[in-house]
C-alpha atoms as a PDB file:
ATOM      1  CA  MET A   1      13.984  43.482-112.932  1.00  0.00           C
ATOM      2  CA  ILE A   2      13.934  46.116-110.361  1.00  0.00           C
ATOM      3  CA  GLU A   3      11.163  45.697-108.016  1.00  0.00           C
ATOM      4  CA  VAL A   4       8.534  48.005-108.471  1.00  0.00           C
ATOM      5  CA  SER A   5       6.864  48.628-104.543  1.00  0.00           C
ATOM      6  CA  ARG A   6       7.327  46.357-101.230  1.00  0.00           C
ATOM      7  CA  PHE A   7       5.592  47.377 -97.685  1.00  0.00           C
ATOM      8  CA  TRP A   8       7.081  46.107 -94.444  1.00  0.00           C
ATOM      9  CA  ARG A   9       5.691  45.631 -90.880  1.00  0.00           C
ATOM     10  CA  ASP A  10       7.035  43.587 -88.151  1.00  0.00           C
ATOM     11  CA  PRO A  11       5.194  42.724 -85.653  1.00  0.00           C
ATOM     12  CA  ALA A  12       7.733  42.662 -82.845  1.00  0.00           C
ATOM     13  CA  LEU A  13       8.208  46.909 -83.737  1.00  0.00           C
ATOM     14  CA  PRO A  14       4.525  48.064 -84.411  1.00  0.00           C
ATOM     15  CA  PHE A  15       5.014  51.137 -84.281  1.00  0.00           C
ATOM     16  CA  VAL A  16       6.802  51.710 -87.414  1.00  0.00           C
ATOM     17  CA  GLU A  17       5.754  50.264 -91.334  1.00  0.00           C
ATOM     18  CA  ALA A  18       9.170  51.085 -94.152  1.00  0.00           C
ATOM     19  CA  ARG A  19       8.436  51.407 -98.373  1.00  0.00           C
ATOM     20  CA  ARG A  20      10.572  51.023-101.194  1.00  0.00           C
ATOM     21  CA  VAL A  21      10.248  51.808-104.635  1.00  0.00           C
ATOM     22  CA  GLY A  22      12.327  50.565-107.187  1.00  0.00           C
ATOM     23  CA  ASP A  23      10.956  52.820-109.001  1.00  0.00           C
ATOM     24  CA  GLY A  24       9.214  55.271-108.470  1.00  0.00           C
ATOM     25  CA  ARG A  25       7.914  56.426-112.616  1.00  0.00           C
ATOM     26  CA  LYS A  26       5.124  53.873-111.646  1.00  0.00           C
ATOM     27  CA  VAL A  27       4.262  55.003-108.370  1.00  0.00           C
ATOM     28  CA  CYS A  28       2.681  58.510-108.499  1.00  0.00           C
ATOM     29  CA  TYR A  29       0.071  60.219-105.777  1.00  0.00           C
ATOM     30  CA  ALA A  30      -2.363  62.434-105.913  1.00  0.00           C
ATOM     31  CA  ALA A  31      -1.802  64.744-102.691  1.00  0.00           C
ATOM     32  CA  HIS A  32      -2.278  63.281 -99.463  1.00  0.00           C
ATOM     33  CA  SER A  33      -1.807  62.872 -95.503  1.00  0.00           C
ATOM     34  CA  HIS A  34      -0.793  60.485 -93.098  1.00  0.00           C
ATOM     35  CA  GLU A  35      -1.373  60.257 -89.943  1.00  0.00           C
ATOM     36  CA  SER A  36       2.060  58.938 -88.747  1.00  0.00           C
ATOM     37  CA  PHE A  37       5.433  60.740 -89.055  1.00  0.00           C
ATOM     38  CA  SER A  38       7.235  59.944 -92.045  1.00  0.00           C
ATOM     39  CA  ILE A  39      11.110  60.472 -92.977  1.00  0.00           C
ATOM     40  CA  GLY A  40      12.796  58.952 -95.699  1.00  0.00           C
ATOM     41  CA  VAL A  41      15.304  59.050 -98.374  1.00  0.00           C
ATOM     42  CA  ILE A  42      15.733  60.151-102.152  1.00  0.00           C
ATOM     43  CA  THR A  43      18.017  56.272-103.032  1.00  0.00           C
ATOM     44  CA  SER A  44      18.532  57.497-106.692  1.00  0.00           C
ATOM     45  CA  GLY A  45      16.891  60.532-109.527  1.00  0.00           C
ATOM     46  CA  CYS A  46      15.227  63.436-108.938  1.00  0.00           C
ATOM     47  CA  ASN A  47      11.611  64.290-108.466  1.00  0.00           C
ATOM     48  CA  THR A  48       9.011  66.806-107.233  1.00  0.00           C
ATOM     49  CA  TYR A  49       8.232  66.907-103.537  1.00  0.00           C
ATOM     50  CA  LEU A  50       5.679  69.298-102.578  1.00  0.00           C
ATOM     51  CA  ASN A  51       5.172  69.257 -98.874  1.00  0.00           C
ATOM     52  CA  GLY A  52       3.141  71.609 -97.619  1.00  0.00           C
ATOM     53  CA  ASP A  53       2.995  75.590 -99.134  1.00  0.00           C
ATOM     54  CA  SER A  54       6.945  74.315 -99.725  1.00  0.00           C
ATOM     55  CA  HIS A  55       7.015  72.559-103.435  1.00  0.00           C
ATOM     56  CA  VAL A  56      10.760  71.751-104.514  1.00  0.00           C
ATOM     57  CA  GLU A  57      12.969  69.747-106.345  1.00  0.00           C
ATOM     58  CA  VAL A  58      14.304  66.927-104.963  1.00  0.00           C
ATOM     59  CA  MET A  59      17.595  64.527-105.805  1.00  0.00           C
ATOM     60  CA  ALA A  60      19.219  61.386-104.919  1.00  0.00           C
ATOM     61  CA  GLY A  61      21.006  61.968-101.037  1.00  0.00           C
ATOM     62  CA  THR A  62      18.498  63.527-100.215  1.00  0.00           C
ATOM     63  CA  THR A  63      15.588  62.809 -96.604  1.00  0.00           C
ATOM     64  CA  VAL A  64      12.227  63.927 -96.606  1.00  0.00           C
ATOM     65  CA  LEU A  65      10.602  64.787 -93.721  1.00  0.00           C
ATOM     66  CA  MET A  66       6.494  64.725 -93.035  1.00  0.00           C
ATOM     67  CA  ASN A  67       4.768  65.643 -90.451  1.00  0.00           C
ATOM     68  CA  PRO A  68       1.081  63.753 -88.850  1.00  0.00           C
ATOM     69  CA  GLY A  69      -1.578  65.098 -90.905  1.00  0.00           C
ATOM     70  CA  VAL A  70       0.609  67.708 -93.749  1.00  0.00           C
ATOM     71  CA  VAL A  71      -0.701  67.690 -97.586  1.00  0.00           C
ATOM     72  CA  HIS A  72       2.056  66.263 -99.795  1.00  0.00           C
ATOM     73  CA  SER A  73       2.904  64.113-102.533  1.00  0.00           C
ATOM     74  CA  CYS A  74       6.310  63.135-104.735  1.00  0.00           C
ATOM     75  CA  ASN A  75       6.202  62.268-108.111  1.00  0.00           C
ATOM     76  CA  PRO A  76       8.549  62.211-110.771  1.00  0.00           C
ATOM     77  CA  ILE A  77       9.914  64.323-113.029  1.00  0.00           C
ATOM     78  CA  ALA A  78       8.558  63.622-117.242  1.00  0.00           C
ATOM     79  CA  GLY A  79       9.106  60.289-117.018  1.00  0.00           C
ATOM     80  CA  GLN A  80      12.806  60.020-114.880  1.00  0.00           C
ATOM     81  CA  PRO A  81      14.305  56.970-112.881  1.00  0.00           C
ATOM     82  CA  TRP A  82      14.262  57.912-109.126  1.00  0.00           C
ATOM     83  CA  SER A  83      14.007  56.094-105.991  1.00  0.00           C
ATOM     84  CA  TYR A  84      13.262  56.075-102.288  1.00  0.00           C
ATOM     85  CA  LEU A  85      13.044  54.509 -99.010  1.00  0.00           C
ATOM     86  CA  MET A  86      11.045  56.257 -96.127  1.00  0.00           C
ATOM     87  CA  LEU A  87       8.982  55.356 -92.675  1.00  0.00           C
ATOM     88  CA  PHE A  88       6.360  55.655 -90.826  1.00  0.00           C
ATOM     89  CA  ILE A  89       6.026  56.023 -87.176  1.00  0.00           C
ATOM     90  CA  ASP A  90       3.377  55.871 -85.071  1.00  0.00           C
ATOM     91  CA  LEU A  91       2.777  59.220 -82.850  1.00  0.00           C
ATOM     92  CA  PRO A  92       2.011  57.966 -79.729  1.00  0.00           C
ATOM     93  CA  TRP A  93       4.364  56.149 -79.830  1.00  0.00           C
ATOM     94  CA  LEU A  94       6.363  59.465 -80.407  1.00  0.00           C
ATOM     95  CA  GLN A  95       4.856  60.889 -78.225  1.00  0.00           C
ATOM     96  CA  ALA A  96       5.766  58.730 -75.315  1.00  0.00           C
ATOM     97  CA  ARG A  97       8.931  59.231 -75.767  1.00  0.00           C
ATOM     98  CA  GLY A  98       8.689  62.786 -75.765  1.00  0.00           C
ATOM     99  CA  PHE A  99      10.053  63.496 -79.591  1.00  0.00           C
ATOM    100  CA  ILE A 100       9.013  67.044 -80.861  1.00  0.00           C
ATOM    101  CA  LEU A 101       7.620  67.064 -84.309  1.00  0.00           C
ATOM    102  CA  PRO A 102      10.280  68.539 -86.910  1.00  0.00           C
ATOM    103  CA  VAL A 103       9.850  71.773 -88.063  1.00  0.00           C
ATOM    104  CA  GLN A 104      11.975  71.316 -91.798  1.00  0.00           C
ATOM    105  CA  THR A 105      10.638  69.446 -94.092  1.00  0.00           C
ATOM    106  CA  VAL A 106      13.737  68.333 -96.557  1.00  0.00           C
ATOM    107  CA  SER A 107      17.380  67.901 -95.370  1.00  0.00           C
ATOM    108  CA  THR A 108      20.556  67.282 -97.793  1.00  0.00           C
ATOM    109  CA  SER A 109      23.295  66.872 -95.201  1.00  0.00           C
ATOM    110  CA  PRO A 110      24.693  63.790 -96.158  1.00  0.00           C
ATOM    111  CA  GLY A 111      25.388  62.818 -92.504  1.00  0.00           C
ATOM    112  CA  LEU A 112      21.664  62.168 -91.829  1.00  0.00           C
ATOM    113  CA  TYR A 113      21.138  60.065 -94.955  1.00  0.00           C
ATOM    114  CA  SER A 114      23.977  58.272 -94.491  1.00  0.00           C
ATOM    115  CA  ARG A 115      22.574  57.801 -90.862  1.00  0.00           C
ATOM    116  CA  LEU A 116      18.548  57.125 -92.038  1.00  0.00           C
ATOM    117  CA  LEU A 117      20.053  54.250 -94.342  1.00  0.00           C
ATOM    118  CA  GLN A 118      21.923  52.653 -91.727  1.00  0.00           C
ATOM    119  CA  LEU A 119      18.534  52.412 -89.805  1.00  0.00           C
ATOM    120  CA  PHE A 120      16.892  51.034 -92.640  1.00  0.00           C
ATOM    121  CA  ALA A 121      19.106  48.693 -92.250  1.00  0.00           C
ATOM    122  CA  ASP A 122      18.919  47.619 -88.961  1.00  0.00           C
ATOM    123  CA  LEU A 123      15.341  47.335 -88.515  1.00  0.00           C
ATOM    124  CA  PHE A 124      15.403  44.866 -91.267  1.00  0.00           C
ATOM    125  CA  ASP A 125      17.890  42.698 -89.361  1.00  0.00           C
ATOM    126  CA  ASN A 126      15.648  41.101 -87.781  1.00  0.00           C
ATOM    127  CA  GLU A 127      19.221  39.492 -85.961  1.00  0.00           C
ATOM    128  CA  LEU A 128      19.824  42.169 -84.276  1.00  0.00           C
ATOM    129  CA  ALA A 129      17.747  42.732 -80.583  1.00  0.00           C
ATOM    130  CA  ASP A 130      18.429  46.114 -79.550  1.00  0.00           C
ATOM    131  CA  ARG A 131      16.164  47.295 -82.969  1.00  0.00           C
ATOM    132  CA  GLU A 132      13.101  49.979 -80.653  1.00  0.00           C
ATOM    133  CA  ASP A 133      17.153  51.231 -79.502  1.00  0.00           C
ATOM    134  CA  ARG A 134      18.282  51.938 -82.348  1.00  0.00           C
ATOM    135  CA  LEU A 135      15.387  53.320 -83.564  1.00  0.00           C
ATOM    136  CA  GLU A 136      14.770  55.278 -80.421  1.00  0.00           C
ATOM    137  CA  ARG A 137      19.005  56.709 -80.548  1.00  0.00           C
ATOM    138  CA  PHE A 138      18.936  57.537 -84.178  1.00  0.00           C
ATOM    139  CA  LEU A 139      15.001  60.367 -83.008  1.00  0.00           C
ATOM    140  CA  GLY A 140      16.945  61.772 -80.109  1.00  0.00           C
ATOM    141  CA  ASP A 141      19.510  62.290 -82.090  1.00  0.00           C
ATOM    142  CA  LEU A 142      17.822  63.971 -85.637  1.00  0.00           C
ATOM    143  CA  PRO A 143      18.045  67.678 -83.897  1.00  0.00           C
ATOM    144  CA  ARG A 144      21.478  67.907 -84.434  1.00  0.00           C
ATOM    145  CA  TYR A 145      21.325  66.848 -88.650  1.00  0.00           C
ATOM    146  CA  LEU A 146      18.629  69.462 -89.123  1.00  0.00           C
ATOM    147  CA  GLN A 147      18.071  73.631 -88.931  1.00  0.00           C
ATOM    148  CA  PRO A 148      17.024  75.275 -85.923  1.00  0.00           C
ATOM    149  CA  LEU A 149      14.193  76.949 -88.229  1.00  0.00           C
ATOM    150  CA  ALA A 150      11.710  78.808 -86.582  1.00  0.00           C
ATOM    151  CA  ASP A 151       8.156  77.588 -86.794  1.00  0.00           C
ATOM    152  CA  GLU A 152       6.339  79.958 -88.321  1.00  0.00           C
ATOM    153  CA  ALA A 153       3.127  81.550 -86.965  1.00  0.00           C
ATOM    154  CA  ARG A 154      -0.514  80.171 -88.844  1.00  0.00           C
ATOM    155  CA  MET A 155      -3.982  82.749 -87.546  1.00  0.00           C
ATOM    156  CA  ASP A 156      -6.341  80.857 -85.488  1.00  0.00           C
ATOM    157  CA  HIS A 157      -9.387  80.326 -87.874  1.00  0.00           C
ATOM    158  CA  PRO A 158     -11.643  77.613 -84.624  1.00  0.00           C
ATOM    159  CA  GLN A 159     -14.402  77.466 -87.535  1.00  0.00           C
ATOM    160  CA  LEU A 160     -12.564  76.070 -90.161  1.00  0.00           C
ATOM    161  CA  ASP A 161     -10.224  74.128 -87.650  1.00  0.00           C
ATOM    162  CA  ALA A 162     -13.809  72.470 -86.417  1.00  0.00           C
ATOM    163  CA  ALA A 163     -14.962  72.196 -89.728  1.00  0.00           C
ATOM    164  CA  ALA A 164     -12.038  69.558 -89.860  1.00  0.00           C
ATOM    165  CA  ALA A 165     -12.179  67.741 -86.565  1.00  0.00           C
ATOM    166  CA  PHE A 166     -15.880  67.412 -87.601  1.00  0.00           C
ATOM    167  CA  ILE A 167     -14.409  65.017 -91.245  1.00  0.00           C
ATOM    168  CA  ARG A 168     -12.712  63.167 -87.766  1.00  0.00           C
ATOM    169  CA  ALA A 169     -14.846  62.471 -86.537  1.00  0.00           C
ATOM    170  CA  HIS A 170     -17.454  61.499 -88.451  1.00  0.00           C
ATOM    171  CA  ARG A 171     -14.903  60.006 -91.624  1.00  0.00           C
ATOM    172  CA  THR A 172     -17.149  56.736 -91.609  1.00  0.00           C
ATOM    173  CA  ASP A 173     -20.016  58.146 -91.715  1.00  0.00           C
ATOM    174  CA  PRO A 174     -22.768  58.892 -95.134  1.00  0.00           C
ATOM    175  CA  LEU A 175     -21.278  63.152 -94.912  1.00  0.00           C
ATOM    176  CA  SER A 176     -22.121  65.812 -97.009  1.00  0.00           C
ATOM    177  CA  LEU A 177     -20.674  69.013 -97.411  1.00  0.00           C
ATOM    178  CA  GLU A 178     -24.208  70.311 -95.844  1.00  0.00           C
ATOM    179  CA  ASP A 179     -23.241  68.473 -93.074  1.00  0.00           C
ATOM    180  CA  VAL A 180     -20.011  70.490 -92.584  1.00  0.00           C
ATOM    181  CA  CYS A 181     -20.818  74.010 -93.511  1.00  0.00           C
ATOM    182  CA  ALA A 182     -23.978  73.484 -90.117  1.00  0.00           C
ATOM    183  CA  ALA A 183     -21.213  72.298 -88.152  1.00  0.00           C
ATOM    184  CA  CYS A 184     -18.843  74.740 -88.353  1.00  0.00           C
ATOM    185  CA  GLY A 185     -21.022  77.413 -88.965  1.00  0.00           C
ATOM    186  CA  LEU A 186     -19.761  78.477 -92.529  1.00  0.00           C
ATOM    187  CA  SER A 187     -21.028  78.902 -96.067  1.00  0.00           C
ATOM    188  CA  ARG A 188     -20.459  76.230 -98.872  1.00  0.00           C
ATOM    189  CA  SER A 189     -17.878  78.559-100.988  1.00  0.00           C
ATOM    190  CA  TYR A 190     -16.379  80.358 -98.175  1.00  0.00           C
ATOM    191  CA  LEU A 191     -15.767  76.597 -95.996  1.00  0.00           C
ATOM    192  CA  ILE A 192     -14.034  75.093 -99.781  1.00  0.00           C
ATOM    193  CA  ARG A 193     -12.111  78.180-101.001  1.00  0.00           C
ATOM    194  CA  ALA A 194     -10.305  78.580 -97.580  1.00  0.00           C
ATOM    195  CA  PHE A 195     -10.763  74.744 -96.134  1.00  0.00           C
ATOM    196  CA  ARG A 196      -8.333  74.261 -99.645  1.00  0.00           C
ATOM    197  CA  GLN A 197      -6.049  77.178 -98.105  1.00  0.00           C
ATOM    198  CA  ARG A 198      -5.318  76.037 -94.691  1.00  0.00           C
ATOM    199  CA  PHE A 199      -5.035  72.381 -95.108  1.00  0.00           C
ATOM    200  CA  GLY A 200      -4.126  71.585 -99.025  1.00  0.00           C
ATOM    201  CA  LEU A 201      -7.428  70.574-100.049  1.00  0.00           C
ATOM    202  CA  THR A 202     -11.169  70.321-100.343  1.00  0.00           C
ATOM    203  CA  PRO A 203     -13.327  69.422 -97.444  1.00  0.00           C
ATOM    204  CA  HIS A 204     -14.516  66.396 -99.588  1.00  0.00           C
ATOM    205  CA  GLY A 205     -10.514  66.438-101.336  1.00  0.00           C
ATOM    206  CA  TYR A 206      -9.647  65.787 -97.543  1.00  0.00           C
ATOM    207  CA  LEU A 207     -12.983  63.479 -95.953  1.00  0.00           C
ATOM    208  CA  LEU A 208     -11.836  60.914 -98.471  1.00  0.00           C
ATOM    209  CA  ASP A 209      -7.770  61.087 -97.493  1.00  0.00           C
ATOM    210  CA  GLN A 210      -8.922  59.991 -93.771  1.00  0.00           C
ATOM    211  CA  ARG A 211     -11.122  57.560 -95.221  1.00  0.00           C
ATOM    212  CA  VAL A 212      -8.232  55.852 -96.371  1.00  0.00           C
ATOM    213  CA  GLN A 213      -6.287  56.424 -93.869  1.00  0.00           C
ATOM    214  CA  HIS A 214      -8.748  54.829 -91.855  1.00  0.00           C
ATOM    215  CA  ALA A 215      -8.991  51.781 -94.337  1.00  0.00           C
ATOM    216  CA  ARG A 216      -5.115  51.444 -94.197  1.00  0.00           C
ATOM    217  CA  ALA A 217      -5.334  51.077 -90.359  1.00  0.00           C
ATOM    218  CA  LEU A 218      -8.132  48.845 -91.281  1.00  0.00           C
ATOM    219  CA  LEU A 219      -5.999  46.510 -93.767  1.00  0.00           C
ATOM    220  CA  ARG A 220      -2.988  46.281 -91.716  1.00  0.00           C
ATOM    221  CA  LYS A 221      -4.411  44.062 -89.406  1.00  0.00           C
ATOM    222  CA  GLY A 222      -4.787  41.718 -92.215  1.00  0.00           C
ATOM    223  CA  ARG A 223      -8.788  42.599 -92.785  1.00  0.00           C
ATOM    224  CA  ALA A 224     -10.673  41.328 -95.572  1.00  0.00           C
ATOM    225  CA  ILE A 225     -11.107  44.597 -98.292  1.00  0.00           C
ATOM    226  CA  ALA A 226     -13.979  44.207 -99.104  1.00  0.00           C
ATOM    227  CA  GLU A 227     -15.178  44.686 -95.038  1.00  0.00           C
ATOM    228  CA  VAL A 228     -12.165  47.464 -95.207  1.00  0.00           C
ATOM    229  CA  ALA A 229     -14.130  49.443 -97.755  1.00  0.00           C
ATOM    230  CA  GLN A 230     -18.007  49.221 -96.291  1.00  0.00           C
ATOM    231  CA  GLU A 231     -16.408  50.473 -93.092  1.00  0.00           C
ATOM    232  CA  ALA A 232     -14.228  52.789 -93.675  1.00  0.00           C
ATOM    233  CA  GLY A 233     -17.042  54.519 -95.624  1.00  0.00           C
ATOM    234  CA  PHE A 234     -16.915  53.627 -98.926  1.00  0.00           C
ATOM    235  CA  ALA A 235     -18.960  53.379-101.238  1.00  0.00           C
ATOM    236  CA  ASP A 236     -18.247  49.331-102.427  1.00  0.00           C
ATOM    237  CA  GLN A 237     -15.058  47.741-102.822  1.00  0.00           C
ATOM    238  CA  ALA A 238     -13.835  49.591-106.207  1.00  0.00           C
ATOM    239  CA  HIS A 239     -14.266  52.441-104.408  1.00  0.00           C
ATOM    240  CA  LEU A 240     -11.192  52.390-101.917  1.00  0.00           C
ATOM    241  CA  GLN A 241      -9.590  50.836-104.522  1.00  0.00           C
ATOM    242  CA  ARG A 242      -9.568  53.946-106.660  1.00  0.00           C
ATOM    243  CA  ALA A 243      -8.786  56.034-102.958  1.00  0.00           C
ATOM    244  CA  PHE A 244      -6.179  54.080-102.121  1.00  0.00           C
ATOM    245  CA  LYS A 245      -4.225  53.985-105.700  1.00  0.00           C
ATOM    246  CA  GLN A 246      -4.247  57.322-105.807  1.00  0.00           C
ATOM    247  CA  HIS A 247      -3.638  58.347-102.714  1.00  0.00           C
ATOM    248  CA  LEU A 248      -1.156  55.837-101.801  1.00  0.00           C
ATOM    249  CA  ALA A 249       0.410  54.369-105.402  1.00  0.00           C
ATOM    250  CA  ALA A 250      -0.582  51.181-104.290  1.00  0.00           C
ATOM    251  CA  THR A 251      -3.405  48.680-104.142  1.00  0.00           C
ATOM    252  CA  PRO A 252      -5.353  47.898-100.405  1.00  0.00           C
ATOM    253  CA  GLY A 253      -3.665  44.035-101.310  1.00  0.00           C
ATOM    254  CA  HIS A 254      -0.307  44.876-101.830  1.00  0.00           C
ATOM    255  CA  TYR A 255      -0.750  47.197 -98.752  1.00  0.00           C
ATOM    256  CA  ARG A 256      -2.427  44.421 -96.580  1.00  0.00           C
ATOM    257  CA  ASP A 257       0.182  41.847 -98.081  1.00  0.00           C
ATOM    258  CA  ALA A 258       3.419  43.591 -96.385  1.00  0.00           C
ATOM    259  CA  VAL A 259       6.503  41.879 -96.525  1.00  0.00           C
ATOM    260  CA  PRO A 260       6.012  39.836 -92.447  1.00  0.00           C
ATOM    261  CA  ALA A 261       9.664  39.296 -92.040  1.00  0.00           C
ATOM    262  CA  PRO A 262      13.616  42.011 -92.568  1.00  0.00           C
ATOM    263  CA  SER A 263      15.341  39.350 -94.272  1.00  0.00           C
ATOM    264  CA  ARG A 264      13.125  38.911 -97.087  1.00  0.00           C
ATOM    265  CA  LEU A 265      14.148  42.432 -98.306  1.00  0.00           C
ATOM    266  CA  LYS A 266      17.189  42.647-100.692  1.00  0.00           C
ATOM    267  CA  PRO A 267      20.216  45.018 -99.326  1.00  0.00           C
ATOM    268  CA  LEU A 268      19.559  47.927 -99.437  1.00  0.00           C
ATOM    269  CA  PRO A 269      20.221  50.842-102.825  1.00  0.00           C
ATOM    270  CA  GLN A 270      23.622  52.779-102.248  1.00  0.00           C
ATOM    271  CA  VAL A 271      23.106  56.523-103.753  1.00  0.00           C
ATOM    272  CA  GLN A 272      23.003  57.178-106.936  1.00  0.00           C
ATOM    273  CA  ARG A 273      23.424  60.826-106.966  1.00  0.00           C
ATOM    274  CA  ARG A 274      22.877  62.250-110.142  1.00  0.00           C
ATOM    275  CA  THR A 275      25.476  64.316-112.022  1.00  0.00           C
END
C-alpha cells in the first residue's frame, strides 16, 4: 500500500526538514507560504504548480523551488496520481553560508533532478558522517543547473509592506483588519484588494498563514497541540486542525510526529515519467 505522507526530521540536522508524499491525490493545499527555502522533485505523475504569478503544469522529472514568504501550492490534476519529495531548509542556516535565493521556480534539468534525488538519499542515510557537507555542496552547485534569469523589479509600496510586517509582528495577537488599516494608513477596501495583488493572499489569509507557520515551529519542538493552538493565536484546537490541514495537507499530529531516524524511511522512488 502506498504511504500517503511522511515527514522526516533529524536532531543531527535541525535546520532541515523533508516530506515524502506517495499519493498526491490525497494531499491538496490552499495557497500558502513557508519561512524556509523549499526545493523538491516530482517523482511520478503530474500536477498544477502555483508560485507567485506563475501557474504551470509540472510532471515527473521536474524540480520545483519556493523562496521563503512566496505564496504557492501544488495540487492534482483531475484526480491523476502523482508523488513528490520536498526539502525545507531554514533561512538563517542558508544566510550564514552566503546562499543567494534563486529566481527560477521550476526546472526540467535531468542533472538537477538526479542530483537532488541523490541528496535526499544522502540525508536519509544516518551512516554518513558528512551529510551537512553534502547539502552545502549541493547548494553551492545549484546555480549552475538554473537559467540565469534576471529578477523582475517590483514597484515599492511601503504601506503594503508595512501592513505585512505589522501582521507578522502581531500574528499571535487577536488582530482585526481595522488594526492593520490603522497601522499602514490604508482604507479597508483598498488594503484587501492591493494586498492580495502584492502577496497572493488577503490580509486575513496572510495572518492565518503566519499563524500556521508559527504553529509549525512549535510542533517541531514536540509541543502539545492544544497549547500550540492557543499560543499561535487560533480560537481553539479545532481551528488549528482545520487551518493546518488546509495549508499543509497534514494534521498537526501527523506533522509533529515526524519519523525521527532516516533509517526508518523506505528506499527513494525512481522517476516515473509520463508518456
